[in-house]
Amino acid sequence: MRYIILYVGRLVLMFACAVGVAWLLELVAIESYVAWYMNHYDISVRAELSEDYGFGMLGFLISLISIAVGFPLGAYLGWKAMRAFVRKWSNV
């Protein structure tokens, strides 16, 4: 029973880490894309971005790609971190 609880705990924390890394990577990717786009087209106010449909579609594509990369990366890193933590503190 103890091992089941440790394994489920690792899964929950791994999922939380994966979501956090994916969200952070998406945030960085989209904000850097917005900054580049505003600088490239000399846009001074973010409200002007609402008139450009191509910007939104490309932003959505960047979001999907960053989540597709960030979620597995976060899951892997979270799993490794939780395995090391469990081994250190539970004498398994």
PDB file of N, CA and C in Angstrom:
ATOM      1  N   MET A   1       0.824  -1.194   0.000  1.00  0.00           N
ATOM      2  CA  MET A   1       0.000   0.000   0.000  1.00  0.00           C
ATOM      3  C   MET A   1       0.876   1.270   0.000  1.00  0.00           C
ATOM      4  N   ARG A   2       1.975   1.181   0.710  1.00  0.00           N
ATOM      5  CA  ARG A   2       2.864   2.340   0.802  1.00  0.00           C
ATOM      6  C   ARG A   2       3.409   2.717  -0.574  1.00  0.00           C
ATOM      7  N   TYR A   3       3.747   1.700  -1.382  1.00  0.00           N
ATOM      8  CA  TYR A   3       4.291   1.968  -2.700  1.00  0.00           C
ATOM      9  C   TYR A   3       3.246   2.548  -3.642  1.00  0.00           C
ATOM     10  N   ILE A   4       2.014   2.133  -3.483  1.00  0.00           N
ATOM     11  CA  ILE A   4       0.934   2.688  -4.313  1.00  0.00           C
ATOM     12  C   ILE A   4       0.748   4.165  -4.006  1.00  0.00           C
ATOM     13  N   ILE A   5       0.766   4.523  -2.742  1.00  0.00           N
ATOM     14  CA  ILE A   5       0.613   5.924  -2.353  1.00  0.00           C
ATOM     15  C   ILE A   5       1.779   6.755  -2.875  1.00  0.00           C
ATOM     16  N   LEU A   6       2.993   6.229  -2.772  1.00  0.00           N
ATOM     17  CA  LEU A   6       4.155   6.950  -3.296  1.00  0.00           C
ATOM     18  C   LEU A   6       4.061   7.120  -4.808  1.00  0.00           C
ATOM     19  N   TYR A   7       3.626   6.083  -5.507  1.00  0.00           N
ATOM     20  CA  TYR A   7       3.525   6.153  -6.965  1.00  0.00           C
ATOM     21  C   TYR A   7       2.447   7.138  -7.402  1.00  0.00           C
ATOM     22  N   VAL A   8       1.295   7.109  -6.755  1.00  0.00           N
ATOM     23  CA  VAL A   8       0.216   8.046  -7.092  1.00  0.00           C
ATOM     24  C   VAL A   8       0.645   9.474  -6.767  1.00  0.00           C
ATOM     25  N   GLY A   9       1.329   9.659  -5.671  1.00  0.00           N
ATOM     26  CA  GLY A   9       1.840  10.992  -5.335  1.00  0.00           C
ATOM     27  C   GLY A   9       2.817  11.499  -6.374  1.00  0.00           C
ATOM     28  N   ARG A  10       3.682  10.601  -6.842  1.00  0.00           N
ATOM     29  CA  ARG A  10       4.624  10.991  -7.903  1.00  0.00           C
ATOM     30  C   ARG A  10       3.885  11.370  -9.177  1.00  0.00           C
ATOM     31  N   LEU A  11       2.840  10.621  -9.519  1.00  0.00           N
ATOM     32  CA  LEU A  11       2.065  10.934 -10.723  1.00  0.00           C
ATOM     33  C   LEU A  11       1.384  12.297 -10.623  1.00  0.00           C
ATOM     34  N   VAL A  12       0.805  12.578  -9.476  1.00  0.00           N
ATOM     35  CA  VAL A  12       0.108  13.860  -9.291  1.00  0.00           C
ATOM     36  C   VAL A  12       1.097  15.018  -9.367  1.00  0.00           C
ATOM     37  N   LEU A  13       2.217  14.897  -8.692  1.00  0.00           N
ATOM     38  CA  LEU A  13       3.210  15.967  -8.721  1.00  0.00           C
ATOM     39  C   LEU A  13       3.864  16.098 -10.087  1.00  0.00           C
ATOM     40  N   MET A  14       4.048  14.994 -10.790  1.00  0.00           N
ATOM     41  CA  MET A  14       4.600  15.036 -12.136  1.00  0.00           C
ATOM     42  C   MET A  14       3.644  15.775 -13.074  1.00  0.00           C
ATOM     43  N   PHE A  15       2.344  15.498 -12.945  1.00  0.00           N
ATOM     44  CA  PHE A  15       1.354  16.185 -13.777  1.00  0.00           C
ATOM     45  C   PHE A  15       1.330  17.680 -13.475  1.00  0.00           C
ATOM     46  N   ALA A  16       1.405  18.041 -12.208  1.00  0.00           N
ATOM     47  CA  ALA A  16       1.428  19.457 -11.842  1.00  0.00           C
ATOM     48  C   ALA A  16       2.665  20.146 -12.398  1.00  0.00           C
ATOM     49  N   CYS A  17       3.792  19.483 -12.336  1.00  0.00           N
ATOM     50  CA  CYS A  17       5.029  20.042 -12.888  1.00  0.00           C
ATOM     51  C   CYS A  17       4.920  20.180 -14.401  1.00  0.00           C
ATOM     52  N   ALA A  18       4.331  19.209 -15.069  1.00  0.00           N
ATOM     53  CA  ALA A  18       4.185  19.259 -16.525  1.00  0.00           C
ATOM     54  C   ALA A  18       3.286  20.411 -16.944  1.00  0.00           C
ATOM     55  N   VAL A  19       2.195  20.609 -16.239  1.00  0.00           N
ATOM     56  CA  VAL A  19       1.293  21.717 -16.555  1.00  0.00           C
ATOM     57  C   VAL A  19       1.987  23.049 -16.309  1.00  0.00           C
ATOM     58  N   GLY A  20       2.717  23.151 -15.223  1.00  0.00           N
ATOM     59  CA  GLY A  20       3.421  24.397 -14.922  1.00  0.00           C
ATOM     60  C   GLY A  20       4.481  24.741 -15.950  1.00  0.00           C
ATOM     61  N   VAL A  21       5.265  23.763 -16.364  1.00  0.00           N
ATOM     62  CA  VAL A  21       6.301  24.019 -17.369  1.00  0.00           C
ATOM     63  C   VAL A  21       5.673  24.382 -18.706  1.00  0.00           C
ATOM     64  N   ALA A  22       4.601  23.669 -19.098  1.00  0.00           N
ATOM     65  CA  ALA A  22       3.933  23.974 -20.366  1.00  0.00           C
ATOM     66  C   ALA A  22       3.342  25.378 -20.349  1.00  0.00           C
ATOM     67  N   TRP A  23       2.725  25.762 -19.240  1.00  0.00           N
ATOM     68  CA  TRP A  23       2.135  27.091 -19.145  1.00  0.00           C
ATOM     69  C   TRP A  23       3.212  28.174 -19.187  1.00  0.00           C
ATOM     70  N   LEU A  24       4.298  27.951 -18.480  1.00  0.00           N
ATOM     71  CA  LEU A  24       5.384  28.931 -18.460  1.00  0.00           C
ATOM     72  C   LEU A  24       6.030  29.068 -19.838  1.00  0.00           C
ATOM     73  N   LEU A  25       6.260  27.951 -20.510  1.00  0.00           N
ATOM     74  CA  LEU A  25       6.843  27.999 -21.839  1.00  0.00           C
ATOM     75  C   LEU A  25       5.909  28.696 -22.828  1.00  0.00           C
ATOM     76  N   GLU A  26       4.608  28.426 -22.706  1.00  0.00           N
ATOM     77  CA  GLU A  26       3.637  29.103 -23.576  1.00  0.00           C
ATOM     78  C   GLU A  26       3.630  30.600 -23.312  1.00  0.00           C
ATOM     79  N   LEU A  27       3.655  30.990 -22.066  1.00  0.00           N
ATOM     80  CA  LEU A  27       3.647  32.408 -21.719  1.00  0.00           C
ATOM     81  C   LEU A  27       4.873  33.123 -22.289  1.00  0.00           C
ATOM     82  N   VAL A  28       6.027  32.528 -22.134  1.00  0.00           N
ATOM     83  CA  VAL A  28       7.261  33.135 -22.648  1.00  0.00           C
ATOM     84  C   VAL A  28       7.227  33.205 -24.172  1.00  0.00           C
ATOM     85  N   ALA A  29       6.775  32.145 -24.821  1.00  0.00           N
ATOM     86  CA  ALA A  29       6.743  32.114 -26.287  1.00  0.00           C
ATOM     87  C   ALA A  29       5.774  33.157 -26.839  1.00  0.00           C
ATOM     88  N   ILE A  30       4.590  33.246 -26.273  1.00  0.00           N
ATOM     89  CA  ILE A  30       3.594  34.197 -26.784  1.00  0.00           C
ATOM     90  C   ILE A  30       4.023  35.631 -26.511  1.00  0.00           C
ATOM     91  N   GLU A  31       4.526  35.906 -25.330  1.00  0.00           N
ATOM     92  CA  GLU A  31       4.938  37.272 -25.027  1.00  0.00           C
ATOM     93  C   GLU A  31       6.127  37.713 -25.886  1.00  0.00           C
ATOM     94  N   SER A  32       7.040  36.792 -26.148  1.00  0.00           N
ATOM     95  CA  SER A  32       8.155  37.164 -27.026  1.00  0.00           C
ATOM     96  C   SER A  32       7.672  37.363 -28.460  1.00  0.00           C
ATOM     97  N   TYR A  33       6.702  36.573 -28.893  1.00  0.00           N
ATOM     98  CA  TYR A  33       6.125  36.758 -30.225  1.00  0.00           C
ATOM     99  C   TYR A  33       5.397  38.093 -30.322  1.00  0.00           C
ATOM    100  N   VAL A  34       4.641  38.469 -29.295  1.00  0.00           N
ATOM    101  CA  VAL A  34       3.934  39.760 -29.296  1.00  0.00           C
ATOM    102  C   VAL A  34       4.938  40.908 -29.327  1.00  0.00           C
ATOM    103  N   ALA A  35       5.989  40.807 -28.537  1.00  0.00           N
ATOM    104  CA  ALA A  35       6.996  41.874 -28.523  1.00  0.00           C
ATOM    105  C   ALA A  35       7.674  42.007 -29.884  1.00  0.00           C
ATOM    106  N   TRP A  36       8.018  40.878 -30.502  1.00  0.00           N
ATOM    107  CA  TRP A  36       8.639  40.931 -31.826  1.00  0.00           C
ATOM    108  C   TRP A  36       7.690  41.514 -32.859  1.00  0.00           C
ATOM    109  N   TYR A  37       6.434  41.089 -32.833  1.00  0.00           N
ATOM    110  CA  TYR A  37       5.444  41.547 -33.808  1.00  0.00           C
ATOM    111  C   TYR A  37       5.198  43.053 -33.670  1.00  0.00           C
ATOM    112  N   MET A  38       5.066  43.513 -32.441  1.00  0.00           N
ATOM    113  CA  MET A  38       4.833  44.948 -32.223  1.00  0.00           C
ATOM    114  C   MET A  38       6.051  45.761 -32.648  1.00  0.00           C
ATOM    115  N   ASN A  39       7.238  45.251 -32.421  1.00  0.00           N
ATOM    116  CA  ASN A  39       8.451  45.956 -32.811  1.00  0.00           C
ATOM    117  C   ASN A  39       8.627  45.946 -34.331  1.00  0.00           C
ATOM    118  N   HIS A  40       8.328  44.820 -34.961  1.00  0.00           N
ATOM    119  CA  HIS A  40       8.521  44.674 -36.406  1.00  0.00           C
ATOM    120  C   HIS A  40       7.577  45.562 -37.212  1.00  0.00           C
ATOM    121  N   TYR A  41       6.333  45.672 -36.760  1.00  0.00           N
ATOM    122  CA  TYR A  41       5.336  46.458 -37.489  1.00  0.00           C
ATOM    123  C   TYR A  41       5.069  47.825 -36.867  1.00  0.00           C
ATOM    124  N   ASP A  42       5.907  48.263 -35.968  1.00  0.00           N
ATOM    125  CA  ASP A  42       5.806  49.576 -35.315  1.00  0.00           C
ATOM    126  C   ASP A  42       4.419  49.826 -34.713  1.00  0.00           C
ATOM    127  N   ILE A  43       3.970  48.880 -33.917  1.00  0.00           N
ATOM    128  CA  ILE A  43       2.687  49.014 -33.211  1.00  0.00           C
ATOM    129  C   ILE A  43       3.003  49.451 -31.788  1.00  0.00           C
ATOM    130  N   SER A  44       2.336  50.514 -31.358  1.00  0.00           N
ATOM    131  CA  SER A  44       2.650  51.035 -30.029  1.00  0.00           C
ATOM    132  C   SER A  44       1.638  50.616 -28.965  1.00  0.00           C
ATOM    133  N   VAL A  45       0.424  50.262 -29.367  1.00  0.00           N
ATOM    134  CA  VAL A  45      -0.630  49.899 -28.415  1.00  0.00           C
ATOM    135  C   VAL A  45      -1.074  48.470 -28.704  1.00  0.00           C
ATOM    136  N   ARG A  46      -1.217  47.672 -27.667  1.00  0.00           N
ATOM    137  CA  ARG A  46      -1.618  46.269 -27.853  1.00  0.00           C
ATOM    138  C   ARG A  46      -3.023  46.144 -28.403  1.00  0.00           C
ATOM    139  N   ALA A  47      -3.846  47.132 -28.223  1.00  0.00           N
ATOM    140  CA  ALA A  47      -5.223  47.076 -28.722  1.00  0.00           C
ATOM    141  C   ALA A  47      -5.268  46.996 -30.250  1.00  0.00           C
ATOM    142  N   GLU A  48      -4.253  47.505 -30.904  1.00  0.00           N
ATOM    143  CA  GLU A  48      -4.209  47.444 -32.368  1.00  0.00           C
ATOM    144  C   GLU A  48      -3.991  46.022 -32.881  1.00  0.00           C
ATOM    145  N   LEU A  49      -3.540  45.129 -32.033  1.00  0.00           N
ATOM    146  CA  LEU A  49      -3.330  43.744 -32.438  1.00  0.00           C
ATOM    147  C   LEU A  49      -4.644  43.006 -32.657  1.00  0.00           C
ATOM    148  N   SER A  50      -5.741  43.512 -32.117  1.00  0.00           N
ATOM    149  CA  SER A  50      -7.026  42.832 -32.256  1.00  0.00           C
ATOM    150  C   SER A  50      -7.569  42.893 -33.675  1.00  0.00           C
ATOM    151  N   GLU A  51      -7.052  43.763 -34.508  1.00  0.00           N
ATOM    152  CA  GLU A  51      -7.541  43.891 -35.872  1.00  0.00           C
ATOM    153  C   GLU A  51      -6.841  42.947 -36.843  1.00  0.00           C
ATOM    154  N   ASP A  52      -5.838  42.241 -36.409  1.00  0.00           N
ATOM    155  CA  ASP A  52      -5.048  41.390 -37.291  1.00  0.00           C
ATOM    156  C   ASP A  52      -5.377  39.924 -37.004  1.00  0.00           C
ATOM    157  N   TYR A  53      -6.099  39.269 -37.913  1.00  0.00           N
ATOM    158  CA  TYR A  53      -6.496  37.876 -37.702  1.00  0.00           C
ATOM    159  C   TYR A  53      -5.319  36.912 -37.864  1.00  0.00           C
ATOM    160  N   GLY A  54      -4.398  37.228 -38.750  1.00  0.00           N
ATOM    161  CA  GLY A  54      -3.229  36.369 -38.937  1.00  0.00           C
ATOM    162  C   GLY A  54      -2.382  36.287 -37.684  1.00  0.00           C
ATOM    163  N   PHE A  55      -2.329  37.393 -36.946  1.00  0.00           N
ATOM    164  CA  PHE A  55      -1.577  37.406 -35.690  1.00  0.00           C
ATOM    165  C   PHE A  55      -2.175  36.409 -34.703  1.00  0.00           C
ATOM    166  N   GLY A  56      -3.484  36.394 -34.605  1.00  0.00           N
ATOM    167  CA  GLY A  56      -4.150  35.484 -33.677  1.00  0.00           C
ATOM    168  C   GLY A  56      -3.965  34.028 -34.053  1.00  0.00           C
ATOM    169  N   MET A  57      -4.045  33.746 -35.354  1.00  0.00           N
ATOM    170  CA  MET A  57      -3.863  32.359 -35.799  1.00  0.00           C
ATOM    171  C   MET A  57      -2.432  31.877 -35.571  1.00  0.00           C
ATOM    172  N   LEU A  58      -1.484  32.739 -35.867  1.00  0.00           N
ATOM    173  CA  LEU A  58      -0.092  32.363 -35.642  1.00  0.00           C
ATOM    174  C   LEU A  58       0.209  32.242 -34.148  1.00  0.00           C
ATOM    175  N   GLY A  59      -0.398  33.109 -33.350  1.00  0.00           N
ATOM    176  CA  GLY A  59      -0.245  33.004 -31.899  1.00  0.00           C
ATOM    177  C   GLY A  59      -0.819  31.703 -31.364  1.00  0.00           C
ATOM    178  N   PHE A  60      -1.952  31.266 -31.920  1.00  0.00           N
ATOM    179  CA  PHE A  60      -2.552  29.999 -31.517  1.00  0.00           C
ATOM    180  C   PHE A  60      -1.642  28.838 -31.894  1.00  0.00           C
ATOM    181  N   LEU A  61      -1.046  28.901 -33.068  1.00  0.00           N
ATOM    182  CA  LEU A  61      -0.120  27.856 -33.497  1.00  0.00           C
ATOM    183  C   LEU A  61       1.113  27.807 -32.590  1.00  0.00           C
ATOM    184  N   ILE A  62       1.640  28.960 -32.237  1.00  0.00           N
ATOM    185  CA  ILE A  62       2.784  29.003 -31.322  1.00  0.00           C
ATOM    186  C   ILE A  62       2.395  28.430 -29.955  1.00  0.00           C
ATOM    187  N   SER A  63       1.167  28.706 -29.522  1.00  0.00           N
ATOM    188  CA  SER A  63       0.676  28.158 -28.262  1.00  0.00           C
ATOM    189  C   SER A  63       0.643  26.635 -28.304  1.00  0.00           C
ATOM    190  N   LEU A  64       0.094  26.089 -29.373  1.00  0.00           N
ATOM    191  CA  LEU A  64       0.007  24.632 -29.484  1.00  0.00           C
ATOM    192  C   LEU A  64       1.382  23.978 -29.509  1.00  0.00           C
ATOM    193  N   ILE A  65       2.294  24.574 -30.248  1.00  0.00           N
ATOM    194  CA  ILE A  65       3.640  24.004 -30.335  1.00  0.00           C
ATOM    195  C   ILE A  65       4.350  24.069 -28.985  1.00  0.00           C
ATOM    196  N   SER A  66       4.219  25.201 -28.297  1.00  0.00           N
ATOM    197  CA  SER A  66       4.910  25.324 -27.011  1.00  0.00           C
ATOM    198  C   SER A  66       4.316  24.384 -25.962  1.00  0.00           C
ATOM    199  N   ILE A  67       3.007  24.136 -26.014  1.00  0.00           N
ATOM    200  CA  ILE A  67       2.404  23.176 -25.090  1.00  0.00           C
ATOM    201  C   ILE A  67       2.828  21.756 -25.449  1.00  0.00           C
ATOM    202  N   ALA A  68       2.895  21.454 -26.752  1.00  0.00           N
ATOM    203  CA  ALA A  68       3.308  20.115 -27.179  1.00  0.00           C
ATOM    204  C   ALA A  68       4.755  19.824 -26.800  1.00  0.00           C
ATOM    205  N   VAL A  69       5.578  20.841 -26.712  1.00  0.00           N
ATOM    206  CA  VAL A  69       6.968  20.653 -26.289  1.00  0.00           C
ATOM    207  C   VAL A  69       7.077  20.716 -24.766  1.00  0.00           C
ATOM    208  N   GLY A  70       6.379  21.656 -24.147  1.00  0.00           N
ATOM    209  CA  GLY A  70       6.531  21.893 -22.713  1.00  0.00           C
ATOM    210  C   GLY A  70       5.923  20.828 -21.824  1.00  0.00           C
ATOM    211  N   PHE A  71       4.800  20.232 -22.236  1.00  0.00           N
ATOM    212  CA  PHE A  71       4.153  19.238 -21.375  1.00  0.00           C
ATOM    213  C   PHE A  71       5.000  17.975 -21.213  1.00  0.00           C
ATOM    214  N   PRO A  72       5.485  17.371 -22.307  1.00  0.00           N
ATOM    215  CA  PRO A  72       6.346  16.194 -22.097  1.00  0.00           C
ATOM    216  C   PRO A  72       7.657  16.522 -21.376  1.00  0.00           C
ATOM    217  N   LEU A  73       8.216  17.684 -21.673  1.00  0.00           N
ATOM    218  CA  LEU A  73       9.438  18.088 -20.989  1.00  0.00           C
ATOM    219  C   LEU A  73       9.191  18.248 -19.488  1.00  0.00           C
ATOM    220  N   GLY A  74       8.106  18.919 -19.132  1.00  0.00           N
ATOM    221  CA  GLY A  74       7.763  19.090 -17.719  1.00  0.00           C
ATOM    222  C   GLY A  74       7.438  17.771 -17.039  1.00  0.00           C
ATOM    223  N   ALA A  75       6.779  16.869 -17.767  1.00  0.00           N
ATOM    224  CA  ALA A  75       6.466  15.554 -17.196  1.00  0.00           C
ATOM    225  C   ALA A  75       7.746  14.772 -16.912  1.00  0.00           C
ATOM    226  N   TYR A  76       8.674  14.806 -17.853  1.00  0.00           N
ATOM    227  CA  TYR A  76       9.937  14.097 -17.654  1.00  0.00           C
ATOM    228  C   TYR A  76      10.723  14.678 -16.480  1.00  0.00           C
ATOM    229  N   LEU A  77      10.845  15.998 -16.456  1.00  0.00           N
ATOM    230  CA  LEU A  77      11.598  16.625 -15.366  1.00  0.00           C
ATOM    231  C   LEU A  77      10.913  16.430 -14.020  1.00  0.00           C
ATOM    232  N   GLY A  78       9.597  16.525 -14.002  1.00  0.00           N
ATOM    233  CA  GLY A  78       8.860  16.298 -12.757  1.00  0.00           C
ATOM    234  C   GLY A  78       8.984  14.875 -12.258  1.00  0.00           C
ATOM    235  N   TRP A  79       8.941  13.911 -13.180  1.00  0.00           N
ATOM    236  CA  TRP A  79       9.072  12.510 -12.795  1.00  0.00           C
ATOM    237  C   TRP A  79      10.459  12.237 -12.209  1.00  0.00           C
ATOM    238  N   LYS A  80      11.478  12.770 -12.850  1.00  0.00           N
ATOM    239  CA  LYS A  80      12.844  12.568 -12.344  1.00  0.00           C
ATOM    240  C   LYS A  80      13.023  13.238 -10.982  1.00  0.00           C
ATOM    241  N   ALA A  81      12.492  14.443 -10.829  1.00  0.00           N
ATOM    242  CA  ALA A  81      12.639  15.151  -9.554  1.00  0.00           C
ATOM    243  C   ALA A  81      11.890  14.427  -8.437  1.00  0.00           C
ATOM    244  N   MET A  82      10.702  13.940  -8.722  1.00  0.00           N
ATOM    245  CA  MET A  82       9.931  13.246  -7.689  1.00  0.00           C
ATOM    246  C   MET A  82      10.563  11.900  -7.343  1.00  0.00           C
ATOM    247  N   ARG A  83      11.162  11.235  -8.321  1.00  0.00           N
ATOM    248  CA  ARG A  83      11.827   9.965  -8.038  1.00  0.00           C
ATOM    249  C   ARG A  83      13.017  10.181  -7.109  1.00  0.00           C
ATOM    250  N   ALA A  84      13.776  11.222  -7.373  1.00  0.00           N
ATOM    251  CA  ALA A  84      14.920  11.519  -6.508  1.00  0.00           C
ATOM    252  C   ALA A  84      14.451  11.914  -5.109  1.00  0.00           C
ATOM    253  N   PHE A  85      13.370  12.686  -5.033  1.00  0.00           N
ATOM    254  CA  PHE A  85      12.840  13.115  -3.734  1.00  0.00           C
ATOM    255  C   PHE A  85      12.324  11.923  -2.937  1.00  0.00           C
ATOM    256  N   VAL A  86      11.585  11.034  -3.613  1.00  0.00           N
ATOM    257  CA  VAL A  86      11.037   9.871  -2.918  1.00  0.00           C
ATOM    258  C   VAL A  86      12.148   8.948  -2.441  1.00  0.00           C
ATOM    259  N   ARG A  87      13.164   8.738  -3.250  1.00  0.00           N
ATOM    260  CA  ARG A  87      14.273   7.870  -2.839  1.00  0.00           C
ATOM    261  C   ARG A  87      15.025   8.448  -1.651  1.00  0.00           C
ATOM    262  N   LYS A  88      15.149   9.767  -1.615  1.00  0.00           N
ATOM    263  CA  LYS A  88      15.905  10.395  -0.536  1.00  0.00           C
ATOM    264  C   LYS A  88      15.146  10.331   0.779  1.00  0.00           C
ATOM    265  N   TRP A  89      13.843  10.564   0.753  1.00  0.00           N
ATOM    266  CA  TRP A  89      13.092  10.723   1.991  1.00  0.00           C
ATOM    267  C   TRP A  89      12.301   9.491   2.429  1.00  0.00           C
ATOM    268  N   SER A  90      12.220   8.480   1.598  1.00  0.00           N
ATOM    269  CA  SER A  90      11.398   7.324   2.015  1.00  0.00           C
ATOM    270  C   SER A  90      12.198   6.042   2.184  1.00  0.00           C
ATOM    271  N   ASN A  91      13.505   6.077   1.931  1.00  0.00           N
ATOM    272  CA  ASN A  91      14.361   4.886   2.053  1.00  0.00           C
ATOM    273  C   ASN A  91      13.866   3.724   1.204  1.00  0.00           C
ATOM    274  N   VAL A  92      13.416   4.042  -0.023  1.00  0.00           N
ATOM    275  CA  VAL A  92      12.914   2.999  -0.931  1.00  0.00           C
ATOM    276  C   VAL A  92      14.062   2.531  -1.791  1.00  0.00           C
TER     277      VAL A  92
END
